[in-house]
């Protein structure tokens, strides 16, 4: 809760005016009474405005943020649409502001709005952003500034509605989902020739059986048996699962061999996860930024990747890649996801080899001691990973899910 610029300027101009007049009419009682009256009147209006808006919170509003498309390459443009609805009956004067992370530039439209809102009149913002950098880029959260009728008092309300844009240097595409027929008659994802995930698109093996259905008969092997034995195709079980790829603190820095470390890690992780997405696994991207985790689901449709918000998995496998610079990071992630339902695999990134020629020895010793202390204090499964070994570590984590 704070005063608006209008209220502050009104107070300033009032004090300045009566100060000048009092110099002209020294010790005149009318000047004193007039200044007290004006000040008290302004104060009463301020208190009235505080009473009206002090109980407002994020639960009084509902915000919908849509980004299309949200998996892009550098130089592409994306359309952002934000709709804010009010859940209370009173008419409210508000301002809406949508912050953008570095690497996003407004190409057309505006990322702010001001006006009056009520349950019958929603606020809608549409603008286009241009991607100027690779990596995970945030749009939001939605910030609502509520004002009283005289615009003397305002209150900032943050709506937890944040969208992610994943930008790569080159366009990313993936083949469509491979499916195989099941005995119940549905086409279900998850049966492919990947050695660690499912089975062959055809079948794993065929066994001797008196199965009467003609649908799953292995005709070639039955023919080789000259009709004396009937073999049917035996399918392996599908191994799709819910996977969260988390990216934590301390990664947004530049190194000569890798460029921006966070962007490089995100691109590597998503590239390896694409085949699992094709197998029918559901994959979410978790980005930790300043104590505020943001999660979106990675979707594949007709070979195009998209990020879709509004869903959080209730369980599965969390692969969390971080340097854990923020001391409250793990606690925030645990509260956000309810980690008891997840199998957690933390990949603690060690950059000592990459920065040994760039920093002093005492900095390297401090970082080595910090990583050692973290590894001993954390209860979950944690792996000390050097950046050059990250590719194989991600692959092993995904395979062992």
Protein backbone atom coordinates (compact mmCIF):
# COMPACT_ATOMS: atom_id res chain seq x y z
CA UNK A 1 0.00 0.00 0.00
CA UNK A 2 1.46 3.36 -1.01
CA UNK A 3 0.56 6.88 -2.13
CA UNK A 4 0.22 7.59 -5.82
CA UNK A 5 2.14 10.32 -7.59
CA UNK A 6 -1.01 12.43 -7.62
CA UNK A 7 -1.30 12.32 -3.81
CA UNK A 8 2.40 13.04 -3.29
CA UNK A 9 2.33 16.01 -5.65
CA UNK A 10 -0.85 17.34 -4.05
CA UNK A 11 0.80 17.28 -0.63
CA UNK A 12 3.95 18.90 -2.01
CA UNK A 13 2.10 21.66 -3.85
CA UNK A 14 -0.11 22.34 -0.81
CA UNK A 15 2.88 22.70 1.49
CA UNK A 16 4.70 24.89 -1.04
CA UNK A 17 1.69 27.14 -1.61
CA UNK A 18 0.97 27.77 2.05
CA UNK A 19 4.67 28.25 2.78
CA UNK A 20 4.84 31.04 0.21
CA UNK A 21 1.59 32.64 1.41
CA UNK A 22 2.69 32.45 5.06
CA UNK A 23 5.81 34.42 4.18
CA UNK A 24 3.59 37.20 2.81
CA UNK A 25 0.99 37.14 5.59
CA UNK A 26 3.06 36.34 8.63
CA UNK A 27 1.17 35.12 11.71
CA UNK A 28 -2.21 35.44 10.03
CA UNK A 29 -4.59 32.86 11.63
CA UNK A 30 -6.48 32.25 8.37
CA UNK A 31 -3.36 30.81 6.73
CA UNK A 32 -2.80 28.37 9.56
CA UNK A 33 -6.42 27.17 9.60
CA UNK A 34 -6.59 26.84 5.82
CA UNK A 35 -3.43 24.72 5.64
CA UNK A 36 -4.68 22.46 8.45
CA UNK A 37 -8.08 22.08 6.75
CA UNK A 38 -6.60 21.14 3.37
CA UNK A 39 -4.13 18.69 4.92
CA UNK A 40 -6.82 16.98 7.01
CA UNK A 41 -9.15 16.74 4.00
CA UNK A 42 -6.46 15.06 1.90
CA UNK A 43 -5.65 12.72 4.77
CA UNK A 44 -9.29 11.68 5.15
CA UNK A 45 -9.55 10.90 1.44
CA UNK A 46 -6.35 8.86 1.70
CA UNK A 47 -7.73 6.88 4.66
CA UNK A 48 -10.96 6.31 2.76
CA UNK A 49 -9.00 4.94 -0.21
CA UNK A 50 -6.92 2.66 2.06
CA UNK A 51 -10.08 1.25 3.58
CA UNK A 52 -11.43 0.38 0.14
CA UNK A 53 -8.44 -1.41 -1.35
CA UNK A 54 -6.54 -2.80 1.65
CA UNK A 55 -8.41 -6.15 1.58
CA UNK A 56 -7.83 -6.74 -2.11
CA UNK A 57 -5.45 -9.58 -3.00
CA UNK A 58 -4.54 -11.85 -5.87
CA UNK A 59 -7.61 -13.98 -5.14
CA UNK A 60 -9.82 -11.09 -6.29
CA UNK A 61 -8.49 -11.36 -9.84
CA UNK A 62 -7.92 -14.07 -12.40
CA UNK A 63 -5.33 -13.67 -15.13
CA UNK A 64 -4.91 -15.70 -18.31
CA UNK A 65 -1.60 -15.38 -20.17
CA UNK A 66 -1.18 -16.96 -23.58
CA UNK A 67 1.93 -17.03 -25.78
CA UNK A 68 1.84 -18.29 -29.34
CA UNK A 69 4.21 -19.63 -30.48
CA UNK A 70 6.51 -20.08 -27.50
CA UNK A 71 9.28 -22.29 -28.91
CA UNK A 72 11.21 -20.03 -31.26
CA UNK A 73 14.58 -19.23 -32.72
CA UNK A 74 16.43 -15.93 -32.44
CA UNK A 75 14.75 -13.20 -34.50
CA UNK A 76 11.28 -14.79 -34.43
CA UNK A 77 8.21 -13.01 -33.09
CA UNK A 78 5.57 -14.26 -30.69
CA UNK A 79 2.13 -12.91 -29.84
CA UNK A 80 1.26 -12.44 -26.18
CA UNK A 81 -2.33 -12.10 -24.99
CA UNK A 82 -3.26 -11.34 -21.38
CA UNK A 83 -6.81 -11.26 -20.04
CA UNK A 84 -7.57 -10.11 -16.48
CA UNK A 85 -10.96 -10.74 -14.85
CA UNK A 86 -12.29 -9.25 -11.61
CA UNK A 87 -14.14 -11.41 -9.08
CA UNK A 88 -15.60 -8.58 -6.98
CA UNK A 89 -18.65 -6.46 -7.76
CA UNK A 90 -17.14 -2.99 -7.25
CA UNK A 91 -15.68 -1.04 -10.13
CA UNK A 92 -11.94 -0.66 -9.74
CA UNK A 93 -9.42 1.64 -11.32
CA UNK A 94 -6.36 -0.44 -12.16
CA UNK A 95 -3.16 -0.45 -14.13
CA UNK A 96 -1.71 -3.67 -15.54
CA UNK A 97 1.96 -4.17 -16.28
CA UNK A 98 3.65 -7.23 -17.85
CA UNK A 99 7.44 -7.36 -17.21
CA UNK A 100 9.65 -9.06 -19.79
CA UNK A 101 12.95 -10.80 -19.15
CA UNK A 102 16.11 -9.77 -20.94
CA UNK A 103 16.22 -10.99 -24.51
CA UNK A 104 12.61 -10.05 -25.29
CA UNK A 105 11.76 -6.78 -26.98
CA UNK A 106 8.29 -5.41 -27.69
CA UNK A 107 7.79 -5.36 -31.45
CA UNK A 108 4.24 -3.98 -31.55
CA UNK A 109 1.58 -3.06 -29.01
CA UNK A 110 2.15 -2.25 -25.34
CA UNK A 111 2.72 -4.43 -22.30
CA UNK A 112 0.59 -2.23 -20.03
CA UNK A 113 -3.04 -1.18 -19.66
CA UNK A 114 -5.02 1.25 -17.49
CA UNK A 115 -8.75 1.72 -17.02
CA UNK A 116 -11.78 0.57 -15.05
CA UNK A 117 -12.56 -3.10 -14.52
CA UNK A 118 -15.55 -4.99 -13.08
CA UNK A 119 -17.03 -8.49 -13.52
CA UNK A 120 -18.70 -7.42 -16.79
CA UNK A 121 -15.72 -5.59 -18.27
CA UNK A 122 -12.44 -7.50 -18.50
CA UNK A 123 -9.04 -6.07 -19.33
CA UNK A 124 -7.26 -7.48 -22.39
CA UNK A 125 -3.70 -6.76 -23.50
CA UNK A 126 -2.22 -7.93 -26.78
CA UNK A 127 1.31 -7.26 -27.96
CA UNK A 128 4.07 -8.89 -29.98
CA UNK A 129 7.58 -9.61 -28.72
CA UNK A 130 10.74 -10.25 -30.69
CA UNK A 131 13.31 -12.77 -29.45
CA UNK A 132 16.85 -11.41 -29.34
CA UNK A 133 18.58 -14.07 -27.24
CA UNK A 134 18.50 -17.84 -26.80
CA UNK A 135 17.42 -19.68 -23.66
CA UNK A 136 14.41 -19.68 -21.34
CA UNK A 137 12.79 -16.25 -21.39
CA UNK A 138 9.97 -15.21 -19.06
CA UNK A 139 6.87 -13.15 -19.78
CA UNK A 140 5.24 -12.02 -16.54
CA UNK A 141 4.13 -12.20 -13.84
CA UNK A 142 1.02 -10.05 -14.27
CA UNK A 143 1.32 -7.01 -11.99
CA UNK A 144 -1.95 -5.21 -11.15
CA UNK A 145 -1.87 -1.75 -9.53
CA UNK A 146 -5.24 -1.04 -7.88
CA UNK A 147 -6.18 2.59 -7.13
CA UNK A 148 -8.94 4.25 -5.13
CA UNK A 149 -11.57 6.47 -6.79
CA UNK A 150 -9.48 9.66 -6.42
CA UNK A 151 -6.23 7.89 -7.35
CA UNK A 152 -4.55 8.90 -4.10
CA UNK A 153 -3.64 5.41 -2.84
CA UNK A 154 -2.53 2.34 -4.77
CA UNK A 155 -1.67 -1.28 -4.04
CA UNK A 156 0.52 -3.62 -6.09
CA UNK A 157 -0.81 -7.16 -6.59
CA UNK A 158 1.25 -9.86 -8.31
CA UNK A 159 -0.71 -12.58 -10.10
CA UNK A 160 1.26 -15.81 -10.42
CA UNK A 161 0.66 -16.13 -14.14
CA UNK A 162 4.00 -16.39 -15.90
CA UNK A 163 4.73 -17.73 -19.37
CA UNK A 164 7.96 -19.15 -20.74
CA UNK A 165 9.46 -18.74 -24.19
CA UNK A 166 12.20 -21.15 -25.19
CA UNK A 167 14.49 -19.72 -27.82
CA UNK A 168 17.21 -21.61 -29.67
CA UNK A 169 19.81 -20.47 -32.16
CA UNK A 170 18.24 -22.66 -34.86
CA UNK A 171 14.64 -23.91 -35.18
CA UNK A 172 13.94 -27.14 -33.29
CA UNK A 173 11.69 -29.78 -34.76
CA UNK A 174 10.94 -33.35 -33.84
CA UNK A 175 9.25 -36.22 -35.58
CA UNK A 176 5.65 -36.98 -34.70
CA UNK A 177 4.77 -39.49 -32.00
CA UNK A 178 5.17 -43.14 -32.99
CA UNK A 179 2.26 -45.37 -32.06
CA UNK A 180 1.58 -49.08 -32.19
CA UNK A 181 -1.74 -50.96 -32.07
CA UNK A 182 -2.77 -52.50 -28.77
CA UNK A 183 -5.03 -55.54 -28.35
CA UNK A 184 -7.82 -53.26 -27.04
CA UNK A 185 -7.87 -51.49 -30.36
CA UNK A 186 -6.38 -48.08 -29.45
CA UNK A 187 -3.26 -46.47 -30.80
CA UNK A 188 -1.12 -45.67 -27.80
CA UNK A 189 2.26 -43.88 -27.69
CA UNK A 190 5.29 -45.49 -26.14
CA UNK A 191 6.28 -48.42 -28.37
CA UNK A 192 9.40 -47.66 -30.37
CA UNK A 193 12.82 -49.04 -31.17
CA UNK A 194 14.60 -46.87 -28.58
CA UNK A 195 16.82 -49.28 -26.57
CA UNK A 196 16.03 -47.79 -23.18
CA UNK A 197 12.40 -46.74 -23.37
CA UNK A 198 9.99 -49.14 -24.97
CA UNK A 199 9.94 -51.91 -27.51
CA UNK A 200 10.19 -52.17 -31.23
CA UNK A 201 7.42 -50.63 -33.26
CA UNK A 202 6.51 -54.17 -34.35
CA UNK A 203 6.95 -56.48 -31.34
CA UNK A 204 9.58 -57.77 -28.91
CA UNK A 205 9.20 -61.51 -29.28
CA UNK A 206 6.73 -64.17 -30.27
CA UNK A 207 5.74 -67.13 -28.11
CA UNK A 208 3.87 -70.35 -28.66
CA UNK A 209 0.21 -70.03 -27.73
CA UNK A 210 -3.24 -71.31 -28.46
CA UNK A 211 -4.50 -67.74 -28.72
CA UNK A 212 -7.58 -67.71 -30.93
CA UNK A 213 -7.38 -64.09 -32.11
CA UNK A 214 -5.82 -63.56 -35.53
CA UNK A 215 -4.78 -59.99 -34.77
CA UNK A 216 -1.47 -60.66 -32.94
CA UNK A 217 -0.34 -63.84 -34.71
CA UNK A 218 3.27 -63.86 -35.87
CA UNK A 219 2.52 -65.26 -39.33
CA UNK A 220 6.15 -65.58 -40.43
CA UNK A 221 7.23 -67.70 -37.48
CA UNK A 222 4.01 -69.71 -37.60
CA UNK A 223 4.72 -70.41 -41.30
CA UNK A 224 8.24 -71.59 -40.49
CA UNK A 225 6.70 -74.05 -38.02
CA UNK A 226 4.69 -75.42 -40.99
CA UNK A 227 1.41 -74.75 -39.17
CA UNK A 228 2.03 -77.21 -36.35
CA UNK A 229 2.44 -74.43 -33.75
CA UNK A 230 0.87 -70.96 -33.55
CA UNK A 231 2.99 -68.07 -32.33
CA UNK A 232 1.65 -64.69 -31.20
CA UNK A 233 3.48 -61.37 -30.81
CA UNK A 234 4.45 -60.55 -27.23
CA UNK A 235 4.64 -56.82 -26.52
CA UNK A 236 6.73 -55.20 -23.81
CA UNK A 237 5.13 -52.80 -21.38
CA UNK A 238 5.28 -49.09 -22.05
CA UNK A 239 7.80 -47.14 -19.94
CA UNK A 240 6.59 -43.60 -20.38
CA UNK A 241 6.55 -41.40 -17.29
CA UNK A 242 6.21 -37.85 -16.00
CA UNK A 243 9.54 -36.01 -16.14
CA UNK A 244 10.42 -32.52 -14.89
CA UNK A 245 13.60 -30.86 -16.16
CA UNK A 246 14.50 -28.19 -13.61
CA UNK A 247 17.02 -25.39 -14.08
CA UNK A 248 18.18 -23.60 -10.94
CA UNK A 249 20.33 -20.70 -9.80
CA UNK A 250 23.89 -19.74 -10.67
CA UNK A 251 23.78 -20.85 -14.30
CA UNK A 252 23.11 -17.54 -16.06
CA UNK A 253 26.73 -16.68 -16.82
CA UNK A 254 28.97 -16.67 -19.88
CA UNK A 255 31.99 -18.89 -20.50
CA UNK A 256 34.30 -18.77 -23.53
CA UNK A 257 33.73 -22.39 -24.59
CA UNK A 258 29.97 -22.60 -23.97
CA UNK A 259 28.56 -19.09 -24.30
CA UNK A 260 25.70 -18.61 -21.87
CA UNK A 261 25.77 -21.68 -19.60
CA UNK A 262 22.03 -21.71 -18.85
CA UNK A 263 21.09 -21.52 -22.53
CA UNK A 264 23.52 -24.31 -23.40
CA UNK A 265 22.23 -26.59 -20.61
CA UNK A 266 18.58 -25.98 -21.53
CA UNK A 267 19.21 -26.78 -25.19
CA UNK A 268 21.10 -29.98 -24.35
CA UNK A 269 18.46 -31.18 -21.88
CA UNK A 270 15.51 -30.51 -24.18
CA UNK A 271 17.30 -32.13 -27.14
CA UNK A 272 17.79 -35.35 -25.15
CA UNK A 273 14.24 -35.22 -23.81
CA UNK A 274 12.63 -35.03 -27.26
CA UNK A 275 12.81 -38.77 -27.89
CA UNK A 276 11.14 -39.43 -24.53
CA UNK A 277 8.42 -36.97 -25.42
CA UNK A 278 7.82 -38.90 -28.62
CA UNK A 279 7.52 -42.11 -26.62
CA UNK A 280 4.52 -40.74 -24.74
CA UNK A 281 6.27 -39.38 -21.66
CA UNK A 282 5.02 -36.07 -20.34
CA UNK A 283 7.74 -33.48 -19.81
CA UNK A 284 7.67 -30.22 -17.86
CA UNK A 285 10.22 -27.41 -17.79
CA UNK A 286 10.85 -25.85 -14.36
CA UNK A 287 12.71 -22.54 -14.24
CA UNK A 288 13.78 -21.16 -10.86
CA UNK A 289 14.14 -17.40 -10.89
CA UNK A 290 14.57 -15.19 -7.80
CA UNK A 291 12.70 -17.50 -5.47
CA UNK A 292 9.78 -17.93 -7.85
CA UNK A 293 9.59 -21.32 -9.62
CA UNK A 294 7.81 -21.27 -12.99
CA UNK A 295 6.67 -24.53 -14.61
CA UNK A 296 5.30 -25.20 -18.10
CA UNK A 297 4.62 -28.39 -19.99
CA UNK A 298 6.55 -29.24 -23.14
CA UNK A 299 4.13 -30.43 -25.84
CA UNK A 300 4.73 -31.97 -29.24
CA UNK A 301 2.11 -31.60 -31.94
CA UNK A 302 2.69 -32.35 -35.62
CA UNK A 303 6.43 -32.05 -35.10
CA UNK A 304 6.20 -28.59 -33.50
CA UNK A 305 7.24 -27.95 -29.90
CA UNK A 306 5.17 -25.69 -27.66
CA UNK A 307 5.21 -24.73 -23.98
CA UNK A 308 1.84 -24.86 -22.25
CA UNK A 309 1.19 -23.50 -18.76
CA UNK A 310 -1.58 -24.24 -16.31
CA UNK A 311 -0.60 -27.81 -15.37
CA UNK A 312 1.64 -29.24 -12.66
CA UNK A 313 2.43 -32.96 -12.35
CA UNK A 314 1.35 -34.72 -9.17
CA UNK A 315 4.33 -37.06 -9.22
CA UNK A 316 7.13 -38.43 -11.38
CA UNK A 317 10.85 -37.84 -11.84
CA UNK A 318 12.56 -34.49 -11.21
CA UNK A 319 15.99 -33.89 -12.77
CA UNK A 320 17.19 -30.64 -11.22
CA UNK A 321 20.29 -28.96 -12.70
CA UNK A 322 21.74 -26.14 -10.64
CA UNK A 323 24.71 -24.64 -8.82
CA UNK A 324 22.43 -24.00 -5.78
CA UNK A 325 23.69 -20.46 -5.24
CA UNK A 326 20.39 -19.43 -3.65
CA UNK A 327 20.22 -20.91 -0.09
CA UNK A 328 16.40 -21.03 -0.18
CA UNK A 329 16.25 -22.70 -3.57
CA UNK A 330 15.58 -26.30 -2.60
CA UNK A 331 13.01 -25.35 0.03
CA UNK A 332 11.11 -23.27 -2.53
CA UNK A 333 11.12 -26.15 -5.01
CA UNK A 334 9.94 -28.61 -2.34
CA UNK A 335 7.04 -26.37 -1.32
CA UNK A 336 6.09 -25.72 -4.93
CA UNK A 337 6.05 -29.34 -6.07
CA UNK A 338 5.44 -31.33 -2.88
CA UNK A 339 8.62 -33.31 -3.57
CA UNK A 340 7.58 -36.35 -1.52
CA UNK A 341 5.72 -37.59 -4.60
CA UNK A 342 8.76 -37.25 -6.85
CA UNK A 343 11.94 -39.14 -7.35
CA UNK A 344 14.55 -36.38 -7.26
CA UNK A 345 17.92 -36.41 -8.99
CA UNK A 346 20.02 -33.27 -8.42
CA UNK A 347 22.88 -32.55 -10.83
CA UNK A 348 25.16 -30.09 -9.01
CA UNK A 349 27.18 -28.27 -11.66
CA UNK A 350 30.91 -27.83 -11.04
CA UNK A 351 32.46 -25.05 -13.15
CA UNK A 352 35.92 -25.14 -11.57
CA UNK A 353 37.64 -26.59 -14.64
CA UNK A 354 36.06 -24.01 -16.92
CA UNK A 355 36.87 -20.97 -14.74
CA UNK A 356 40.29 -22.00 -13.37
CA UNK A 357 42.08 -19.68 -15.82
CA UNK A 358 39.66 -16.79 -15.25
CA UNK A 359 39.54 -16.36 -11.46
CA UNK A 360 41.93 -16.40 -8.52
CA UNK A 361 42.86 -19.50 -6.54
CA UNK A 362 41.02 -18.39 -3.40
CA UNK A 363 37.78 -18.10 -5.38
CA UNK A 364 38.27 -21.63 -6.73
CA UNK A 365 38.97 -22.95 -3.22
CA UNK A 366 35.85 -21.24 -1.87
CA UNK A 367 33.67 -22.69 -4.65
CA UNK A 368 35.12 -26.18 -4.16
CA UNK A 369 34.41 -26.02 -0.42
CA UNK A 370 30.88 -24.72 -1.04
CA UNK A 371 30.06 -27.59 -3.44
CA UNK A 372 31.51 -30.12 -1.01
CA UNK A 373 29.39 -28.73 1.83
CA UNK A 374 26.23 -28.79 -0.29
CA UNK A 375 26.81 -32.38 -1.34
CA UNK A 376 27.12 -33.48 2.29
CA UNK A 377 24.06 -31.56 3.58
CA UNK A 378 21.45 -32.40 0.94
CA UNK A 379 19.32 -35.44 1.69
CA UNK A 380 18.15 -36.16 -1.87
CA UNK A 381 20.16 -37.98 -4.51
CA UNK A 382 22.86 -35.58 -5.70
CA UNK A 383 25.58 -35.93 -8.34
CA UNK A 384 28.64 -33.73 -8.64
CA UNK A 385 28.85 -33.04 -12.39
CA UNK A 386 31.43 -31.14 -14.39
CA UNK A 387 30.09 -29.21 -17.33
CA UNK A 388 31.88 -31.33 -19.92
CA UNK A 389 30.27 -34.47 -18.42
CA UNK A 390 26.75 -33.04 -18.26
CA UNK A 391 25.58 -34.65 -21.52
CA UNK A 392 26.29 -38.17 -20.32
CA UNK A 393 24.84 -37.39 -16.87
CA UNK A 394 21.54 -36.18 -18.32
CA UNK A 395 21.39 -39.23 -20.56
CA UNK A 396 21.97 -41.60 -17.63
CA UNK A 397 19.38 -39.79 -15.49
CA UNK A 398 16.74 -40.02 -18.21
CA UNK A 399 17.49 -43.69 -18.88
CA UNK A 400 17.30 -44.64 -15.18
CA UNK A 401 13.97 -42.92 -14.55
